[in-house]
């Protein structure tokens, strides 16, 4: 299972906005469905003291709103398709792509740079 988490601070990220973001950065964007996005709320003690500086600011001390995108492996022929991420596109420009599971990550279809 692959999970991507969007941190929203004291406001929950919009599922529609997150879906559009994922579709713009995912090969086979039809795979990103609203039903795959799950909302959650976390509290300070769950996150641990290391996370406190990262979640400071407006709404600090209150619950943290999250949105999860979960993609379970999908059967394709005799193998399973997993979700991979390529971070070579610059800060904040991660690209996601499905590929059959292999000992090393398959090449990114967006940049065609061998992994």
N, C-alpha and C. Protein backbone atom coordinates (compact mmCIF):
# COMPACT_ATOMS: atom_id res chain seq x y z
N UNK A 1 0.85 -1.17 0.00
CA UNK A 1 0.00 0.00 0.00
C UNK A 1 0.90 1.23 0.00
N UNK A 2 0.52 2.23 -0.77
CA UNK A 2 1.23 3.51 -0.81
C UNK A 2 0.33 4.57 -0.20
N UNK A 3 0.93 5.46 0.59
CA UNK A 3 0.15 6.52 1.23
C UNK A 3 0.87 7.85 1.05
N UNK A 4 0.14 8.85 0.60
CA UNK A 4 0.62 10.22 0.50
C UNK A 4 -0.23 11.04 1.46
N UNK A 5 0.41 11.86 2.30
CA UNK A 5 -0.31 12.61 3.33
C UNK A 5 -0.17 14.11 3.06
N UNK A 6 -1.29 14.81 3.11
CA UNK A 6 -1.31 16.26 2.96
C UNK A 6 -1.66 16.87 4.31
N UNK A 7 -0.77 17.69 4.84
CA UNK A 7 -0.96 18.33 6.13
C UNK A 7 -1.65 19.66 5.92
N UNK A 8 -2.72 19.89 6.65
CA UNK A 8 -3.49 21.12 6.47
C UNK A 8 -3.44 22.07 7.64
N UNK A 9 -2.72 21.74 8.71
CA UNK A 9 -2.72 22.61 9.88
C UNK A 9 -4.07 22.55 10.57
N UNK A 10 -4.63 23.71 10.92
CA UNK A 10 -5.92 23.71 11.63
C UNK A 10 -7.10 23.59 10.68
N UNK A 11 -6.85 23.70 9.35
CA UNK A 11 -7.92 23.52 8.37
C UNK A 11 -7.62 22.30 7.51
N UNK A 12 -8.62 21.50 7.25
CA UNK A 12 -8.43 20.30 6.43
C UNK A 12 -8.22 20.69 4.97
N UNK A 13 -7.24 20.07 4.30
CA UNK A 13 -7.07 20.35 2.87
C UNK A 13 -8.33 19.96 2.09
N UNK A 14 -8.61 20.71 1.06
CA UNK A 14 -9.79 20.44 0.23
C UNK A 14 -9.56 19.17 -0.59
N UNK A 15 -10.46 18.18 -0.49
CA UNK A 15 -10.29 16.97 -1.30
C UNK A 15 -10.26 17.27 -2.80
N UNK A 16 -11.04 18.21 -3.28
CA UNK A 16 -11.07 18.53 -4.71
C UNK A 16 -9.73 19.13 -5.15
N UNK A 17 -9.16 20.02 -4.33
CA UNK A 17 -7.88 20.65 -4.66
C UNK A 17 -6.76 19.60 -4.63
N UNK A 18 -6.76 18.74 -3.62
CA UNK A 18 -5.74 17.69 -3.52
C UNK A 18 -5.86 16.73 -4.69
N UNK A 19 -7.08 16.39 -5.07
CA UNK A 19 -7.27 15.48 -6.21
C UNK A 19 -6.72 16.09 -7.49
N UNK A 20 -7.00 17.38 -7.73
CA UNK A 20 -6.47 18.05 -8.92
C UNK A 20 -4.94 18.07 -8.90
N UNK A 21 -4.36 18.34 -7.73
CA UNK A 21 -2.91 18.34 -7.58
C UNK A 21 -2.33 16.97 -7.94
N UNK A 22 -2.93 15.92 -7.37
CA UNK A 22 -2.45 14.56 -7.64
C UNK A 22 -2.62 14.18 -9.10
N UNK A 23 -3.74 14.54 -9.70
CA UNK A 23 -3.97 14.22 -11.11
C UNK A 23 -2.95 14.92 -12.01
N UNK A 24 -2.53 16.12 -11.63
CA UNK A 24 -1.56 16.85 -12.46
C UNK A 24 -0.16 16.27 -12.32
N UNK A 25 0.06 15.45 -11.31
CA UNK A 25 1.39 14.90 -11.05
C UNK A 25 1.43 13.37 -11.07
N UNK A 26 0.37 12.76 -11.60
CA UNK A 26 0.29 11.30 -11.60
C UNK A 26 0.05 10.78 -13.00
N UNK A 27 0.88 9.84 -13.41
CA UNK A 27 0.64 9.18 -14.69
C UNK A 27 -0.59 8.30 -14.53
N UNK A 28 -1.47 8.35 -15.48
CA UNK A 28 -2.72 7.60 -15.34
C UNK A 28 -3.60 8.26 -14.30
N UNK A 29 -3.81 9.58 -14.43
CA UNK A 29 -4.50 10.36 -13.40
C UNK A 29 -5.91 9.87 -13.11
N UNK A 30 -6.48 9.06 -14.00
CA UNK A 30 -7.80 8.54 -13.72
C UNK A 30 -7.79 7.64 -12.49
N UNK A 31 -6.61 7.25 -12.04
CA UNK A 31 -6.49 6.41 -10.85
C UNK A 31 -6.78 7.19 -9.57
N UNK A 32 -6.71 8.51 -9.62
CA UNK A 32 -6.94 9.33 -8.42
C UNK A 32 -8.44 9.61 -8.32
N UNK A 33 -9.10 8.92 -7.43
CA UNK A 33 -10.53 9.07 -7.23
C UNK A 33 -10.79 9.75 -5.88
N UNK A 34 -11.88 10.51 -5.79
CA UNK A 34 -12.22 11.15 -4.51
C UNK A 34 -12.39 10.12 -3.40
N UNK A 35 -12.88 8.94 -3.75
CA UNK A 35 -13.09 7.91 -2.73
C UNK A 35 -11.77 7.39 -2.15
N UNK A 36 -10.65 7.65 -2.86
CA UNK A 36 -9.34 7.23 -2.37
C UNK A 36 -8.76 8.20 -1.34
N UNK A 37 -9.39 9.36 -1.19
CA UNK A 37 -8.90 10.38 -0.25
C UNK A 37 -9.63 10.23 1.08
N UNK A 38 -8.88 10.18 2.17
CA UNK A 38 -9.45 9.99 3.50
C UNK A 38 -9.02 11.13 4.42
N UNK A 39 -9.98 11.67 5.12
CA UNK A 39 -9.71 12.75 6.07
C UNK A 39 -9.38 12.17 7.44
N UNK A 40 -8.50 12.87 8.17
CA UNK A 40 -8.14 12.43 9.52
C UNK A 40 -7.79 13.66 10.35
N UNK A 41 -7.85 13.48 11.65
CA UNK A 41 -7.46 14.52 12.60
C UNK A 41 -6.46 13.91 13.57
N UNK A 42 -5.37 14.61 13.80
CA UNK A 42 -4.35 14.16 14.75
C UNK A 42 -4.15 15.25 15.80
N UNK A 43 -3.73 14.82 16.97
CA UNK A 43 -3.49 15.74 18.08
C UNK A 43 -2.02 15.69 18.48
N UNK A 44 -1.55 16.75 19.12
CA UNK A 44 -0.14 16.88 19.50
C UNK A 44 0.49 15.62 20.08
N UNK A 45 -0.11 15.01 21.10
CA UNK A 45 0.53 13.82 21.69
C UNK A 45 0.71 12.68 20.69
N UNK A 46 -0.14 12.59 19.69
CA UNK A 46 0.00 11.54 18.68
C UNK A 46 1.19 11.80 17.77
N UNK A 47 1.51 13.06 17.56
CA UNK A 47 2.57 13.43 16.63
C UNK A 47 3.95 13.42 17.29
N UNK A 48 4.02 13.59 18.60
CA UNK A 48 5.30 13.58 19.31
C UNK A 48 5.92 14.96 19.38
N UNK A 49 6.86 15.14 20.32
CA UNK A 49 7.46 16.46 20.52
C UNK A 49 8.29 16.94 19.33
N UNK A 50 8.82 16.03 18.52
CA UNK A 50 9.62 16.44 17.36
C UNK A 50 8.78 17.19 16.34
N UNK A 51 7.48 16.91 16.30
CA UNK A 51 6.61 17.55 15.31
C UNK A 51 6.12 18.92 15.77
N UNK A 52 6.23 19.24 17.04
CA UNK A 52 5.66 20.50 17.55
C UNK A 52 6.19 21.73 16.82
N UNK A 53 7.50 21.87 16.56
CA UNK A 53 7.96 23.06 15.84
C UNK A 53 7.39 23.14 14.42
N UNK A 54 7.15 21.99 13.78
CA UNK A 54 6.65 21.99 12.40
C UNK A 54 5.18 22.36 12.31
N UNK A 55 4.42 22.16 13.37
CA UNK A 55 2.99 22.44 13.33
C UNK A 55 2.63 23.68 14.13
N UNK A 56 3.65 24.48 14.50
CA UNK A 56 3.40 25.72 15.24
C UNK A 56 2.73 26.75 14.36
N UNK A 57 2.42 27.89 14.93
CA UNK A 57 1.78 28.95 14.15
C UNK A 57 0.30 29.00 14.44
N UNK A 58 -0.49 29.58 13.53
CA UNK A 58 -1.94 29.67 13.76
C UNK A 58 -2.56 28.31 14.00
N UNK A 59 -3.34 28.22 15.02
CA UNK A 59 -3.99 26.97 15.34
C UNK A 59 -3.12 26.01 16.12
N UNK A 60 -1.91 26.46 16.51
CA UNK A 60 -1.00 25.59 17.26
C UNK A 60 -1.68 25.16 18.56
N UNK A 61 -1.47 23.94 18.93
CA UNK A 61 -2.08 23.41 20.14
C UNK A 61 -3.42 22.75 19.86
N UNK A 62 -4.01 23.04 18.71
CA UNK A 62 -5.27 22.42 18.35
C UNK A 62 -5.02 21.18 17.51
N UNK A 63 -6.07 20.55 17.06
CA UNK A 63 -5.89 19.36 16.23
C UNK A 63 -5.30 19.71 14.86
N UNK A 64 -4.60 18.77 14.28
CA UNK A 64 -4.01 18.92 12.96
C UNK A 64 -4.88 18.15 11.98
N UNK A 65 -5.28 18.78 10.89
CA UNK A 65 -6.14 18.16 9.89
C UNK A 65 -5.28 17.59 8.76
N UNK A 66 -5.57 16.36 8.38
CA UNK A 66 -4.81 15.67 7.34
C UNK A 66 -5.75 15.12 6.28
N UNK A 67 -5.18 14.89 5.11
CA UNK A 67 -5.89 14.19 4.05
C UNK A 67 -4.92 13.14 3.51
N UNK A 68 -5.36 11.90 3.50
CA UNK A 68 -4.55 10.79 3.03
C UNK A 68 -5.01 10.35 1.66
N UNK A 69 -4.05 10.02 0.79
CA UNK A 69 -4.34 9.35 -0.46
C UNK A 69 -3.72 7.98 -0.35
N UNK A 70 -4.54 6.95 -0.39
CA UNK A 70 -4.05 5.58 -0.29
C UNK A 70 -4.29 4.86 -1.60
N UNK A 71 -3.26 4.19 -2.05
CA UNK A 71 -3.39 3.37 -3.26
C UNK A 71 -2.88 1.98 -2.95
N UNK A 72 -3.75 1.03 -3.05
CA UNK A 72 -3.39 -0.36 -2.78
C UNK A 72 -2.83 -0.97 -4.06
N UNK A 73 -1.93 -1.95 -3.94
CA UNK A 73 -1.40 -2.61 -5.14
C UNK A 73 -2.55 -3.17 -5.98
N UNK A 74 -2.39 -3.08 -7.28
CA UNK A 74 -3.41 -3.58 -8.19
C UNK A 74 -2.84 -4.71 -9.02
N UNK A 75 -3.61 -5.76 -9.17
CA UNK A 75 -3.15 -6.92 -9.92
C UNK A 75 -3.19 -6.63 -11.42
N UNK A 76 -2.06 -6.87 -12.07
CA UNK A 76 -1.95 -6.70 -13.52
C UNK A 76 -1.27 -7.97 -14.05
N UNK A 77 -2.02 -8.79 -14.74
CA UNK A 77 -1.47 -10.06 -15.22
C UNK A 77 -1.05 -10.91 -14.03
N UNK A 78 0.20 -11.32 -14.02
CA UNK A 78 0.72 -12.14 -12.92
C UNK A 78 1.37 -11.31 -11.82
N UNK A 79 1.55 -10.02 -12.06
CA UNK A 79 2.21 -9.16 -11.08
C UNK A 79 1.26 -8.16 -10.46
N UNK A 80 1.82 -7.28 -9.63
CA UNK A 80 1.04 -6.23 -8.99
C UNK A 80 1.66 -4.87 -9.31
N UNK A 81 0.80 -3.90 -9.56
CA UNK A 81 1.22 -2.53 -9.82
C UNK A 81 1.28 -1.78 -8.49
N UNK A 82 2.43 -1.12 -8.24
CA UNK A 82 2.62 -0.33 -7.04
C UNK A 82 2.82 1.13 -7.44
N UNK A 83 2.68 2.04 -6.48
CA UNK A 83 2.88 3.45 -6.73
C UNK A 83 4.31 3.83 -6.38
N UNK A 84 4.98 4.52 -7.28
CA UNK A 84 6.34 5.01 -7.07
C UNK A 84 6.32 6.54 -7.14
N UNK A 85 7.34 7.16 -6.54
CA UNK A 85 7.45 8.62 -6.57
C UNK A 85 8.83 9.01 -7.09
N UNK A 86 8.88 10.06 -7.91
CA UNK A 86 10.14 10.61 -8.41
C UNK A 86 10.25 12.04 -7.89
N UNK A 87 11.36 12.32 -7.18
CA UNK A 87 11.56 13.63 -6.58
C UNK A 87 12.56 14.47 -7.38
N UNK A 88 12.89 14.06 -8.59
CA UNK A 88 13.90 14.75 -9.40
C UNK A 88 13.36 15.94 -10.18
N UNK A 89 12.14 16.31 -9.96
CA UNK A 89 11.51 17.38 -10.74
C UNK A 89 11.55 18.73 -10.04
N UNK A 90 12.23 18.80 -8.91
CA UNK A 90 12.34 20.05 -8.18
C UNK A 90 11.49 20.04 -6.92
N UNK A 91 11.77 21.00 -6.06
CA UNK A 91 11.05 21.10 -4.78
C UNK A 91 9.56 21.28 -5.03
N UNK A 92 8.76 20.45 -4.39
CA UNK A 92 7.31 20.54 -4.51
C UNK A 92 6.76 20.00 -5.82
N UNK A 93 7.58 19.37 -6.63
CA UNK A 93 7.12 18.89 -7.94
C UNK A 93 7.24 17.37 -8.05
N UNK A 94 7.01 16.68 -6.96
CA UNK A 94 7.07 15.22 -6.99
C UNK A 94 6.10 14.67 -8.04
N UNK A 95 6.49 13.58 -8.69
CA UNK A 95 5.64 12.92 -9.68
C UNK A 95 5.40 11.49 -9.21
N UNK A 96 4.18 11.02 -9.37
CA UNK A 96 3.80 9.66 -8.97
C UNK A 96 3.49 8.85 -10.22
N UNK A 97 3.86 7.57 -10.18
CA UNK A 97 3.57 6.71 -11.32
C UNK A 97 3.43 5.26 -10.87
N UNK A 98 2.49 4.54 -11.47
CA UNK A 98 2.32 3.12 -11.15
C UNK A 98 3.26 2.28 -12.01
N UNK A 99 3.77 1.21 -11.44
CA UNK A 99 4.62 0.28 -12.18
C UNK A 99 4.61 -1.06 -11.46
N UNK A 100 4.95 -2.10 -12.20
CA UNK A 100 5.04 -3.42 -11.59
C UNK A 100 6.18 -3.43 -10.57
N UNK A 101 5.97 -4.15 -9.50
CA UNK A 101 6.98 -4.24 -8.44
C UNK A 101 8.25 -4.87 -9.00
N UNK A 102 9.39 -4.28 -8.63
CA UNK A 102 10.67 -4.82 -9.06
C UNK A 102 11.69 -4.56 -7.96
N UNK A 103 12.85 -5.26 -8.00
CA UNK A 103 13.87 -5.05 -6.96
C UNK A 103 14.38 -3.62 -6.88
N UNK A 104 14.40 -2.91 -8.03
CA UNK A 104 14.77 -1.50 -8.01
C UNK A 104 13.64 -0.70 -8.65
N UNK A 105 13.49 0.55 -8.24
CA UNK A 105 12.40 1.37 -8.76
C UNK A 105 12.51 1.51 -10.28
N UNK A 106 11.42 1.34 -11.00
CA UNK A 106 11.43 1.50 -12.46
C UNK A 106 11.70 2.95 -12.85
N UNK A 107 12.11 3.16 -14.10
CA UNK A 107 12.37 4.51 -14.60
C UNK A 107 11.12 5.37 -14.50
N UNK A 108 11.33 6.64 -14.20
CA UNK A 108 10.23 7.61 -14.11
C UNK A 108 9.75 7.93 -15.53
N UNK A 109 8.45 7.74 -15.82
CA UNK A 109 7.95 8.03 -17.18
C UNK A 109 7.88 9.52 -17.48
N UNK A 110 7.97 10.37 -16.46
CA UNK A 110 7.91 11.81 -16.68
C UNK A 110 9.26 12.37 -17.11
N UNK A 111 10.33 11.86 -16.53
CA UNK A 111 11.64 12.43 -16.84
C UNK A 111 12.54 11.44 -17.59
N UNK A 112 12.15 10.19 -17.63
CA UNK A 112 12.92 9.15 -18.32
C UNK A 112 14.36 9.05 -17.82
N UNK A 113 14.58 9.45 -16.57
CA UNK A 113 15.90 9.30 -15.95
C UNK A 113 15.93 7.96 -15.25
N UNK A 114 16.89 7.09 -15.57
CA UNK A 114 16.96 5.81 -14.86
C UNK A 114 17.14 6.05 -13.36
N UNK A 115 16.47 5.22 -12.56
CA UNK A 115 16.54 5.37 -11.10
C UNK A 115 17.71 4.59 -10.57
